[in-house]
Amino acid sequence: MNHKPWASFLGLANRARKVISGEELVVKEIQRQRVKLVILSEDASENTRKKISDKCTFYRVPLCYVDNRYELGGAIGKGARVVVAITDEGFAQKLKTML
């Protein structure tokens, strides 16, 4: 089990069904303006980092970074995840302060 507070809180958001994971799904939801926060792993490919950061900049969505994809995936109870998005304003605000 992970011992980082943000990871536990992200898991809670996931159980509340307020988390989207996967690059294509996240990009689509950013374009639909349903995303309040995007979390990207530091070890994402250069192409993915540019694509996600450009979308976040254009649609004015906050972007935070975590150390690696395994930590991010483990926080939501899945395998390695490079990017996740939070769709709830309350969860997004709290996670921003934690990250």
N, C-alpha and C. Protein backbone atom coordinates (compact mmCIF):
# COMPACT_ATOMS: atom_id res chain seq x y z
N MET A 1 0.85 -1.20 0.00
CA MET A 1 0.00 0.00 0.00
C MET A 1 0.89 1.24 0.00
N ASN A 2 0.48 2.24 -0.74
CA ASN A 2 1.27 3.46 -0.81
C ASN A 2 1.01 4.32 0.44
N HIS A 3 2.04 5.05 0.86
CA HIS A 3 1.95 5.83 2.09
C HIS A 3 1.90 7.33 1.82
N LYS A 4 1.70 7.71 0.58
CA LYS A 4 1.65 9.13 0.27
C LYS A 4 0.19 9.59 0.37
N PRO A 5 -0.04 10.71 1.06
CA PRO A 5 -1.42 11.18 1.26
C PRO A 5 -2.16 11.45 -0.06
N TRP A 6 -1.45 12.01 -1.04
CA TRP A 6 -2.12 12.31 -2.32
C TRP A 6 -2.59 11.02 -3.00
N ALA A 7 -1.82 9.94 -2.85
CA ALA A 7 -2.18 8.68 -3.50
C ALA A 7 -3.44 8.09 -2.87
N SER A 8 -3.55 8.17 -1.55
CA SER A 8 -4.74 7.68 -0.87
C SER A 8 -5.96 8.50 -1.28
N PHE A 9 -5.76 9.82 -1.37
CA PHE A 9 -6.88 10.69 -1.75
C PHE A 9 -7.29 10.46 -3.20
N LEU A 10 -6.32 10.20 -4.07
CA LEU A 10 -6.63 9.90 -5.47
C LEU A 10 -7.41 8.59 -5.56
N GLY A 11 -7.06 7.62 -4.73
CA GLY A 11 -7.80 6.37 -4.66
C GLY A 11 -9.24 6.59 -4.24
N LEU A 12 -9.44 7.49 -3.29
CA LEU A 12 -10.79 7.84 -2.85
C LEU A 12 -11.58 8.47 -3.99
N ALA A 13 -10.95 9.38 -4.72
CA ALA A 13 -11.60 10.02 -5.88
C ALA A 13 -11.95 8.97 -6.93
N ASN A 14 -11.09 7.99 -7.10
CA ASN A 14 -11.34 6.92 -8.07
C ASN A 14 -12.54 6.09 -7.66
N ARG A 15 -12.63 5.77 -6.38
CA ARG A 15 -13.78 5.00 -5.90
C ARG A 15 -15.08 5.79 -6.03
N ALA A 16 -14.97 7.11 -6.00
CA ALA A 16 -16.14 7.97 -6.19
C ALA A 16 -16.44 8.17 -7.68
N ARG A 17 -15.69 7.50 -8.55
CA ARG A 17 -15.85 7.58 -10.01
C ARG A 17 -15.65 9.00 -10.56
N LYS A 18 -14.65 9.68 -10.01
CA LYS A 18 -14.31 11.04 -10.46
C LYS A 18 -12.94 11.08 -11.15
N VAL A 19 -12.41 9.89 -11.50
CA VAL A 19 -11.08 9.80 -12.13
C VAL A 19 -11.20 9.13 -13.49
N ILE A 20 -10.51 9.71 -14.49
CA ILE A 20 -10.42 9.12 -15.83
C ILE A 20 -8.95 8.81 -16.06
N SER A 21 -8.66 7.62 -16.57
CA SER A 21 -7.25 7.31 -16.86
C SER A 21 -7.10 6.88 -18.30
N GLY A 22 -5.91 7.08 -18.84
CA GLY A 22 -5.65 6.75 -20.23
C GLY A 22 -5.55 8.00 -21.07
N GLU A 23 -4.54 8.06 -21.89
CA GLU A 23 -4.24 9.28 -22.65
C GLU A 23 -5.39 9.76 -23.53
N GLU A 24 -5.94 8.87 -24.35
CA GLU A 24 -6.99 9.29 -25.28
C GLU A 24 -8.26 9.75 -24.57
N LEU A 25 -8.67 9.02 -23.54
CA LEU A 25 -9.86 9.41 -22.78
C LEU A 25 -9.67 10.75 -22.09
N VAL A 26 -8.48 10.96 -21.54
CA VAL A 26 -8.19 12.22 -20.86
C VAL A 26 -8.24 13.38 -21.86
N VAL A 27 -7.63 13.21 -23.03
CA VAL A 27 -7.63 14.27 -24.05
C VAL A 27 -9.07 14.60 -24.47
N LYS A 28 -9.89 13.58 -24.70
CA LYS A 28 -11.29 13.81 -25.09
C LYS A 28 -12.05 14.59 -24.03
N GLU A 29 -11.85 14.21 -22.76
CA GLU A 29 -12.56 14.89 -21.67
C GLU A 29 -12.06 16.32 -21.47
N ILE A 30 -10.77 16.56 -21.71
CA ILE A 30 -10.24 17.93 -21.65
C ILE A 30 -10.94 18.78 -22.71
N GLN A 31 -11.07 18.23 -23.91
CA GLN A 31 -11.70 18.96 -25.01
C GLN A 31 -13.18 19.23 -24.72
N ARG A 32 -13.82 18.32 -24.01
CA ARG A 32 -15.23 18.52 -23.63
C ARG A 32 -15.36 19.42 -22.41
N GLN A 33 -14.25 19.86 -21.87
CA GLN A 33 -14.16 20.77 -20.72
C GLN A 33 -14.84 20.19 -19.48
N ARG A 34 -14.63 18.90 -19.25
CA ARG A 34 -15.18 18.24 -18.07
C ARG A 34 -14.10 17.98 -17.03
N VAL A 35 -12.85 18.29 -17.35
CA VAL A 35 -11.72 17.96 -16.47
C VAL A 35 -11.34 19.17 -15.63
N LYS A 36 -11.11 18.94 -14.33
CA LYS A 36 -10.73 20.01 -13.41
C LYS A 36 -9.24 19.99 -13.07
N LEU A 37 -8.59 18.82 -13.24
CA LEU A 37 -7.17 18.67 -12.94
C LEU A 37 -6.63 17.47 -13.69
N VAL A 38 -5.40 17.60 -14.22
CA VAL A 38 -4.73 16.48 -14.88
C VAL A 38 -3.46 16.17 -14.11
N ILE A 39 -3.21 14.89 -13.87
CA ILE A 39 -1.99 14.45 -13.19
C ILE A 39 -1.20 13.59 -14.18
N LEU A 40 0.04 13.98 -14.41
CA LEU A 40 0.90 13.33 -15.39
C LEU A 40 2.14 12.79 -14.70
N SER A 41 2.59 11.60 -15.10
CA SER A 41 3.80 11.05 -14.49
C SER A 41 5.04 11.67 -15.14
N GLU A 42 6.08 11.82 -14.34
CA GLU A 42 7.33 12.42 -14.82
C GLU A 42 7.99 11.55 -15.89
N ASP A 43 7.73 10.24 -15.87
CA ASP A 43 8.38 9.34 -16.82
C ASP A 43 7.55 9.10 -18.09
N ALA A 44 6.59 10.00 -18.36
CA ALA A 44 5.82 9.90 -19.60
C ALA A 44 6.73 10.23 -20.79
N SER A 45 6.38 9.70 -21.95
CA SER A 45 7.19 9.99 -23.14
C SER A 45 7.10 11.47 -23.48
N GLU A 46 8.09 11.96 -24.18
CA GLU A 46 8.14 13.38 -24.55
C GLU A 46 6.90 13.77 -25.36
N ASN A 47 6.49 12.88 -26.27
CA ASN A 47 5.32 13.12 -27.11
C ASN A 47 4.05 13.27 -26.26
N THR A 48 3.87 12.36 -25.31
CA THR A 48 2.70 12.41 -24.43
C THR A 48 2.72 13.65 -23.56
N ARG A 49 3.89 13.98 -23.01
CA ARG A 49 4.00 15.17 -22.17
C ARG A 49 3.60 16.43 -22.93
N LYS A 50 4.09 16.55 -24.18
CA LYS A 50 3.78 17.73 -24.98
C LYS A 50 2.30 17.79 -25.30
N LYS A 51 1.74 16.65 -25.72
CA LYS A 51 0.32 16.60 -26.09
C LYS A 51 -0.58 17.00 -24.91
N ILE A 52 -0.32 16.41 -23.75
CA ILE A 52 -1.14 16.69 -22.57
C ILE A 52 -0.94 18.13 -22.08
N SER A 53 0.30 18.59 -22.02
CA SER A 53 0.54 19.95 -21.53
C SER A 53 -0.03 21.00 -22.49
N ASP A 54 0.05 20.75 -23.79
CA ASP A 54 -0.54 21.68 -24.76
C ASP A 54 -2.07 21.75 -24.60
N LYS A 55 -2.71 20.59 -24.44
CA LYS A 55 -4.17 20.57 -24.25
C LYS A 55 -4.55 21.30 -22.96
N CYS A 56 -3.81 21.02 -21.89
CA CYS A 56 -4.11 21.66 -20.61
C CYS A 56 -3.94 23.18 -20.69
N THR A 57 -2.90 23.62 -21.38
CA THR A 57 -2.66 25.06 -21.54
C THR A 57 -3.79 25.70 -22.34
N PHE A 58 -4.15 25.07 -23.47
CA PHE A 58 -5.18 25.63 -24.35
C PHE A 58 -6.54 25.72 -23.65
N TYR A 59 -6.91 24.65 -22.92
CA TYR A 59 -8.22 24.61 -22.27
C TYR A 59 -8.18 25.10 -20.82
N ARG A 60 -7.03 25.64 -20.40
CA ARG A 60 -6.85 26.19 -19.05
C ARG A 60 -7.19 25.19 -17.95
N VAL A 61 -6.60 24.01 -18.05
CA VAL A 61 -6.78 22.96 -17.04
C VAL A 61 -5.47 22.85 -16.26
N PRO A 62 -5.52 22.88 -14.93
CA PRO A 62 -4.29 22.74 -14.13
C PRO A 62 -3.63 21.38 -14.36
N LEU A 63 -2.30 21.37 -14.34
CA LEU A 63 -1.53 20.15 -14.58
C LEU A 63 -0.54 19.97 -13.45
N CYS A 64 -0.55 18.77 -12.84
CA CYS A 64 0.39 18.43 -11.77
C CYS A 64 1.19 17.20 -12.19
N TYR A 65 2.35 17.03 -11.58
CA TYR A 65 3.22 15.90 -11.90
C TYR A 65 3.46 15.02 -10.68
N VAL A 66 3.59 13.71 -10.93
CA VAL A 66 4.01 12.76 -9.89
C VAL A 66 5.25 12.03 -10.40
N ASP A 67 5.92 11.32 -9.50
CA ASP A 67 7.22 10.72 -9.82
C ASP A 67 7.21 9.71 -10.96
N ASN A 68 6.32 8.71 -10.89
CA ASN A 68 6.35 7.69 -11.94
C ASN A 68 4.99 7.07 -12.19
N ARG A 69 4.90 6.35 -13.29
CA ARG A 69 3.64 5.77 -13.74
C ARG A 69 3.12 4.66 -12.82
N TYR A 70 4.02 3.98 -12.14
CA TYR A 70 3.61 2.88 -11.25
C TYR A 70 2.95 3.42 -9.99
N GLU A 71 3.48 4.53 -9.50
CA GLU A 71 2.90 5.20 -8.34
C GLU A 71 1.49 5.71 -8.68
N LEU A 72 1.37 6.30 -9.86
CA LEU A 72 0.09 6.86 -10.30
C LEU A 72 -0.95 5.77 -10.52
N GLY A 73 -0.56 4.69 -11.18
CA GLY A 73 -1.48 3.58 -11.40
C GLY A 73 -1.85 2.88 -10.10
N GLY A 74 -0.87 2.70 -9.22
CA GLY A 74 -1.12 2.05 -7.94
C GLY A 74 -2.10 2.82 -7.08
N ALA A 75 -2.07 4.15 -7.19
CA ALA A 75 -2.96 4.99 -6.39
C ALA A 75 -4.43 4.75 -6.75
N ILE A 76 -4.70 4.38 -8.00
CA ILE A 76 -6.08 4.12 -8.42
C ILE A 76 -6.36 2.62 -8.55
N GLY A 77 -5.43 1.81 -8.04
CA GLY A 77 -5.65 0.37 -8.01
C GLY A 77 -5.54 -0.31 -9.35
N LYS A 78 -4.74 0.24 -10.25
CA LYS A 78 -4.56 -0.34 -11.58
C LYS A 78 -3.07 -0.48 -11.85
N GLY A 79 -2.74 -0.97 -13.03
CA GLY A 79 -1.34 -1.07 -13.44
C GLY A 79 -0.78 0.31 -13.71
N ALA A 80 0.35 0.36 -14.37
CA ALA A 80 1.02 1.63 -14.66
C ALA A 80 0.09 2.56 -15.46
N ARG A 81 -0.03 3.79 -15.01
CA ARG A 81 -0.82 4.81 -15.70
C ARG A 81 0.04 6.06 -15.87
N VAL A 82 0.07 6.59 -17.08
CA VAL A 82 0.89 7.77 -17.36
C VAL A 82 0.14 9.06 -17.05
N VAL A 83 -1.18 9.05 -17.30
CA VAL A 83 -1.96 10.26 -17.08
C VAL A 83 -3.35 9.91 -16.53
N VAL A 84 -3.80 10.71 -15.57
CA VAL A 84 -5.17 10.60 -15.06
C VAL A 84 -5.76 12.00 -14.98
N ALA A 85 -7.07 12.06 -15.03
CA ALA A 85 -7.77 13.34 -14.93
C ALA A 85 -8.83 13.26 -13.84
N ILE A 86 -9.04 14.37 -13.15
CA ILE A 86 -10.04 14.46 -12.08
C ILE A 86 -11.19 15.30 -12.63
N THR A 87 -12.43 14.79 -12.47
CA THR A 87 -13.59 15.48 -13.04
C THR A 87 -14.41 16.24 -12.00
N ASP A 88 -13.99 16.19 -10.74
CA ASP A 88 -14.74 16.86 -9.67
C ASP A 88 -13.92 18.01 -9.11
N GLU A 89 -14.54 19.17 -8.97
CA GLU A 89 -13.84 20.37 -8.51
C GLU A 89 -13.28 20.23 -7.10
N GLY A 90 -14.04 19.64 -6.20
CA GLY A 90 -13.60 19.46 -4.82
C GLY A 90 -12.36 18.58 -4.72
N PHE A 91 -12.41 17.42 -5.37
CA PHE A 91 -11.25 16.53 -5.37
C PHE A 91 -10.05 17.21 -6.03
N ALA A 92 -10.30 17.94 -7.12
CA ALA A 92 -9.22 18.60 -7.85
C ALA A 92 -8.52 19.64 -6.98
N GLN A 93 -9.29 20.46 -6.26
CA GLN A 93 -8.70 21.50 -5.40
C GLN A 93 -7.85 20.88 -4.30
N LYS A 94 -8.35 19.82 -3.67
CA LYS A 94 -7.62 19.18 -2.58
C LYS A 94 -6.32 18.53 -3.11
N LEU A 95 -6.41 17.85 -4.26
CA LEU A 95 -5.23 17.21 -4.82
C LEU A 95 -4.18 18.23 -5.24
N LYS A 96 -4.61 19.39 -5.74
CA LYS A 96 -3.66 20.45 -6.11
C LYS A 96 -2.85 20.89 -4.91
N THR A 97 -3.51 21.01 -3.75
CA THR A 97 -2.77 21.44 -2.56
C THR A 97 -1.83 20.34 -2.08
N MET A 98 -2.20 19.06 -2.27
CA MET A 98 -1.36 17.96 -1.84
C MET A 98 -0.15 17.77 -2.76
N LEU A 99 -0.31 18.05 -4.05
CA LEU A 99 0.79 17.88 -5.00
C LEU A 99 1.56 19.18 -5.12
